């Protein structure tokens, strides 16, 4: 029996915001409340690295600092941004066998969001102890390959519906049978037109 698959992006799609930006603020406030100035300054240093390097390297440094820490309650963060969730219930509920939240956001909280919203799986950016590599972040081609590997393990053939807001997801957009685009900007609209991709828009 064919399995119907829905894949949904997180930042700017399921949520109106970039959750990672809010997560950074949450971490800095956490450090201040706990008087943990060592972690606070290490996080600030990691954030400063964005000025001289890439977003991926900055995210790597932040997650590296959080690896194995037991003092951070990620559910509190998830609760704090719950009001920013977009209502996609008409697309997410009913007639779907496998629901996947696929995001570049950290799995430490994206996994909780996925569970809260009834997704079967969450593919996010994980903690790592390995040296930095751009492929550590679940974005663009890496995200596509991770979704395809997941589908293979689940015995699914393809993506029935994909919901996103970002051009970075073009590799997945090109694979899906149906694409729903949330508030697309001109750059994404141009890319969709150039690739002759049909889509539905949510504003």
Protein backbone atom coordinates (compact mmCIF):
# COMPACT_ATOMS: atom_id res chain seq x y z
CA UNK A 1 0.00 0.00 0.00
CA UNK A 2 1.38 3.41 -0.99
CA UNK A 3 2.26 5.64 1.94
CA UNK A 4 1.25 9.28 1.69
CA UNK A 5 4.04 11.57 2.91
CA UNK A 6 3.89 15.16 4.12
CA UNK A 7 7.09 17.12 4.75
CA UNK A 8 6.95 20.50 6.51
CA UNK A 9 9.66 23.09 7.14
CA UNK A 10 9.79 24.83 10.53
CA UNK A 11 11.15 28.39 10.45
CA UNK A 12 8.91 30.76 8.53
CA UNK A 13 6.59 27.87 7.69
CA UNK A 14 5.11 25.97 10.64
CA UNK A 15 6.24 28.92 12.76
CA UNK A 16 6.10 32.57 11.70
CA UNK A 17 9.55 33.22 13.15
CA UNK A 18 13.11 32.02 12.81
CA UNK A 19 13.12 29.87 15.96
CA UNK A 20 16.92 29.72 16.15
CA UNK A 21 17.15 33.49 16.59
CA UNK A 22 14.66 33.28 19.45
CA UNK A 23 16.55 30.30 20.86
CA UNK A 24 19.75 32.36 21.04
CA UNK A 25 17.93 35.04 23.06
CA UNK A 26 16.50 32.32 25.31
CA UNK A 27 19.98 30.90 25.95
CA UNK A 28 21.50 34.28 26.79
CA UNK A 29 18.66 35.06 29.24
CA UNK A 30 19.07 31.58 30.72
CA UNK A 31 22.75 32.32 31.39
CA UNK A 32 21.95 35.67 33.02
CA UNK A 33 19.26 34.16 35.26
CA UNK A 34 21.61 31.35 36.30
CA UNK A 35 24.58 33.75 36.63
CA UNK A 36 26.45 31.47 34.25
CA UNK A 37 28.70 34.10 32.77
CA UNK A 38 31.20 31.60 31.42
CA UNK A 39 28.60 30.10 29.10
CA UNK A 40 27.22 33.58 28.39
CA UNK A 41 30.56 34.88 27.09
CA UNK A 42 31.24 31.67 25.18
CA UNK A 43 27.88 32.04 23.46
CA UNK A 44 28.64 35.68 22.67
CA UNK A 45 31.97 34.63 21.17
CA UNK A 46 30.20 31.98 19.08
CA UNK A 47 27.68 34.59 17.87
CA UNK A 48 30.48 37.00 17.00
CA UNK A 49 32.00 34.32 14.76
CA UNK A 50 29.04 34.91 12.42
CA UNK A 51 30.63 38.24 11.49
CA UNK A 52 33.85 36.60 10.29
CA UNK A 53 32.57 33.22 9.10
CA UNK A 54 29.34 31.44 8.11
CA UNK A 55 25.96 30.98 9.74
CA UNK A 56 26.59 27.22 9.74
CA UNK A 57 29.86 27.62 11.68
CA UNK A 58 28.14 29.88 14.21
CA UNK A 59 25.35 27.34 14.69
CA UNK A 60 27.94 24.58 15.07
CA UNK A 61 29.73 26.51 17.81
CA UNK A 62 26.50 27.21 19.69
CA UNK A 63 25.38 23.58 19.59
CA UNK A 64 28.85 22.38 20.53
CA UNK A 65 28.61 24.48 23.71
CA UNK A 66 25.24 22.91 24.56
CA UNK A 67 26.22 19.30 23.98
CA UNK A 68 25.71 17.16 27.13
CA UNK A 69 24.40 20.10 29.19
CA UNK A 70 21.62 19.08 31.60
CA UNK A 71 20.61 22.52 32.88
CA UNK A 72 18.65 23.72 29.85
CA UNK A 73 14.94 22.95 29.66
CA UNK A 74 14.14 22.97 25.95
CA UNK A 75 10.43 22.52 26.63
CA UNK A 76 10.37 25.91 28.34
CA UNK A 77 11.76 27.45 25.15
CA UNK A 78 9.19 25.61 23.01
CA UNK A 79 6.41 26.87 25.26
CA UNK A 80 7.73 30.43 24.98
CA UNK A 81 7.36 30.51 21.19
CA UNK A 82 4.12 28.50 20.93
CA UNK A 83 2.09 31.61 20.06
CA UNK A 84 4.14 32.01 16.86
CA UNK A 85 2.82 28.76 15.37
CA UNK A 86 1.00 29.08 12.04
CA UNK A 87 -2.24 27.12 11.62
CA UNK A 88 -1.52 24.48 8.97
CA UNK A 89 -4.04 21.99 10.35
CA UNK A 90 -5.97 21.76 7.08
CA UNK A 91 -2.83 20.41 5.40
CA UNK A 92 -1.32 18.42 8.27
CA UNK A 93 -4.39 16.55 9.52
CA UNK A 94 -6.11 13.76 7.60
CA UNK A 95 -5.08 11.36 4.85
CA UNK A 96 -1.37 11.38 5.69
CA UNK A 97 0.57 8.25 6.65
CA UNK A 98 3.97 9.81 7.42
CA UNK A 99 4.40 13.38 8.67
CA UNK A 100 7.97 14.71 8.76
CA UNK A 101 9.19 17.99 10.21
CA UNK A 102 12.38 18.74 8.27
CA UNK A 103 14.36 21.75 9.41
CA UNK A 104 17.78 23.32 9.77
CA UNK A 105 16.82 24.23 13.35
CA UNK A 106 18.44 22.29 16.21
CA UNK A 107 16.83 18.93 16.94
CA UNK A 108 17.08 19.58 20.69
CA UNK A 109 13.93 21.71 20.49
CA UNK A 110 12.63 20.96 16.98
CA UNK A 111 12.03 17.38 18.09
CA UNK A 112 9.78 18.61 20.90
CA UNK A 113 7.85 20.83 18.50
CA UNK A 114 7.41 17.87 16.14
CA UNK A 115 6.08 15.71 18.97
CA UNK A 116 3.72 18.44 20.18
CA UNK A 117 2.32 18.94 16.67
CA UNK A 118 1.79 15.26 15.91
CA UNK A 119 4.63 14.65 13.47
CA UNK A 120 5.94 11.12 13.14
CA UNK A 121 9.55 12.18 12.62
CA UNK A 122 11.82 15.19 13.03
CA UNK A 123 14.89 15.75 10.89
CA UNK A 124 16.87 18.65 12.33
CA UNK A 125 20.43 19.75 12.99
CA UNK A 126 21.95 17.57 15.70
CA UNK A 127 24.63 18.07 18.32
CA UNK A 128 28.00 16.80 17.16
CA UNK A 129 31.45 16.25 18.67
CA UNK A 130 33.07 16.03 15.24
CA UNK A 131 35.14 18.84 13.76
CA UNK A 132 33.19 21.44 11.78
CA UNK A 133 31.84 20.48 8.39
CA UNK A 134 29.19 22.43 6.44
CA UNK A 135 27.27 19.16 5.99
CA UNK A 136 26.50 19.00 9.72
CA UNK A 137 23.59 21.44 9.20
CA UNK A 138 20.33 19.95 7.91
CA UNK A 139 19.85 22.37 5.03
CA UNK A 140 19.62 22.38 1.20
CA UNK A 141 21.08 19.18 -0.38
CA UNK A 142 21.82 17.66 3.05
CA UNK A 143 18.19 18.12 4.06
CA UNK A 144 17.01 16.56 0.81
CA UNK A 145 19.23 13.51 1.25
CA UNK A 146 18.16 13.08 4.87
CA UNK A 147 14.49 13.16 3.84
CA UNK A 148 15.09 10.68 1.01
CA UNK A 149 16.94 8.31 3.35
CA UNK A 150 14.07 8.57 5.81
CA UNK A 151 11.52 7.75 3.10
CA UNK A 152 13.55 4.72 2.06
CA UNK A 153 13.61 3.42 5.64
CA UNK A 154 9.85 3.93 5.91
CA UNK A 155 9.11 2.22 2.61
CA UNK A 156 7.73 5.38 1.02
CA UNK A 157 8.25 6.23 -2.63
CA UNK A 158 8.01 10.02 -2.74
CA UNK A 159 6.86 13.23 -1.08
CA UNK A 160 3.16 13.86 -1.70
CA UNK A 161 3.09 17.37 -0.21
CA UNK A 162 5.88 19.70 0.84
CA UNK A 163 5.27 22.96 2.72
CA UNK A 164 8.03 25.57 2.97
CA UNK A 165 8.79 29.26 2.67
CA UNK A 166 12.44 29.27 1.60
CA UNK A 167 14.56 28.98 -1.54
CA UNK A 168 17.02 26.80 0.40
CA UNK A 169 14.41 24.06 0.09
CA UNK A 170 14.45 24.08 -3.71
CA UNK A 171 16.08 20.58 -3.81
CA UNK A 172 13.04 19.18 -1.95
CA UNK A 173 10.55 21.36 -3.80
CA UNK A 174 11.72 19.80 -7.06
CA UNK A 175 10.98 16.32 -5.70
CA UNK A 176 7.52 16.85 -4.25
CA UNK A 177 4.34 16.09 -6.18
CA UNK A 178 2.62 19.09 -4.60
CA UNK A 179 4.24 22.21 -3.14
CA UNK A 180 2.62 24.69 -0.79
CA UNK A 181 4.65 27.88 -0.39
CA UNK A 182 4.19 30.14 2.60
CA UNK A 183 4.47 33.88 1.88
CA UNK A 184 7.07 33.47 -0.90
CA UNK A 185 9.52 36.29 -1.56
CA UNK A 186 10.49 37.36 -5.07
CA UNK A 187 13.68 35.33 -5.07
CA UNK A 188 11.76 32.12 -4.39
CA UNK A 189 9.02 32.99 -6.90
CA UNK A 190 11.67 33.54 -9.58
CA UNK A 191 13.34 30.21 -8.81
CA UNK A 192 10.00 28.40 -8.97
CA UNK A 193 9.19 29.99 -12.31
CA UNK A 194 12.62 29.21 -13.75
CA UNK A 195 12.17 25.55 -12.81
CA UNK A 196 8.56 25.40 -14.07
CA UNK A 197 7.30 24.31 -10.64
CA UNK A 198 3.59 24.62 -9.90
CA UNK A 199 2.63 25.56 -6.35
CA UNK A 200 -0.07 26.82 -4.02
CA UNK A 201 0.50 29.92 -1.91
CA UNK A 202 -0.37 30.56 1.74
CA UNK A 203 -0.15 34.18 2.87
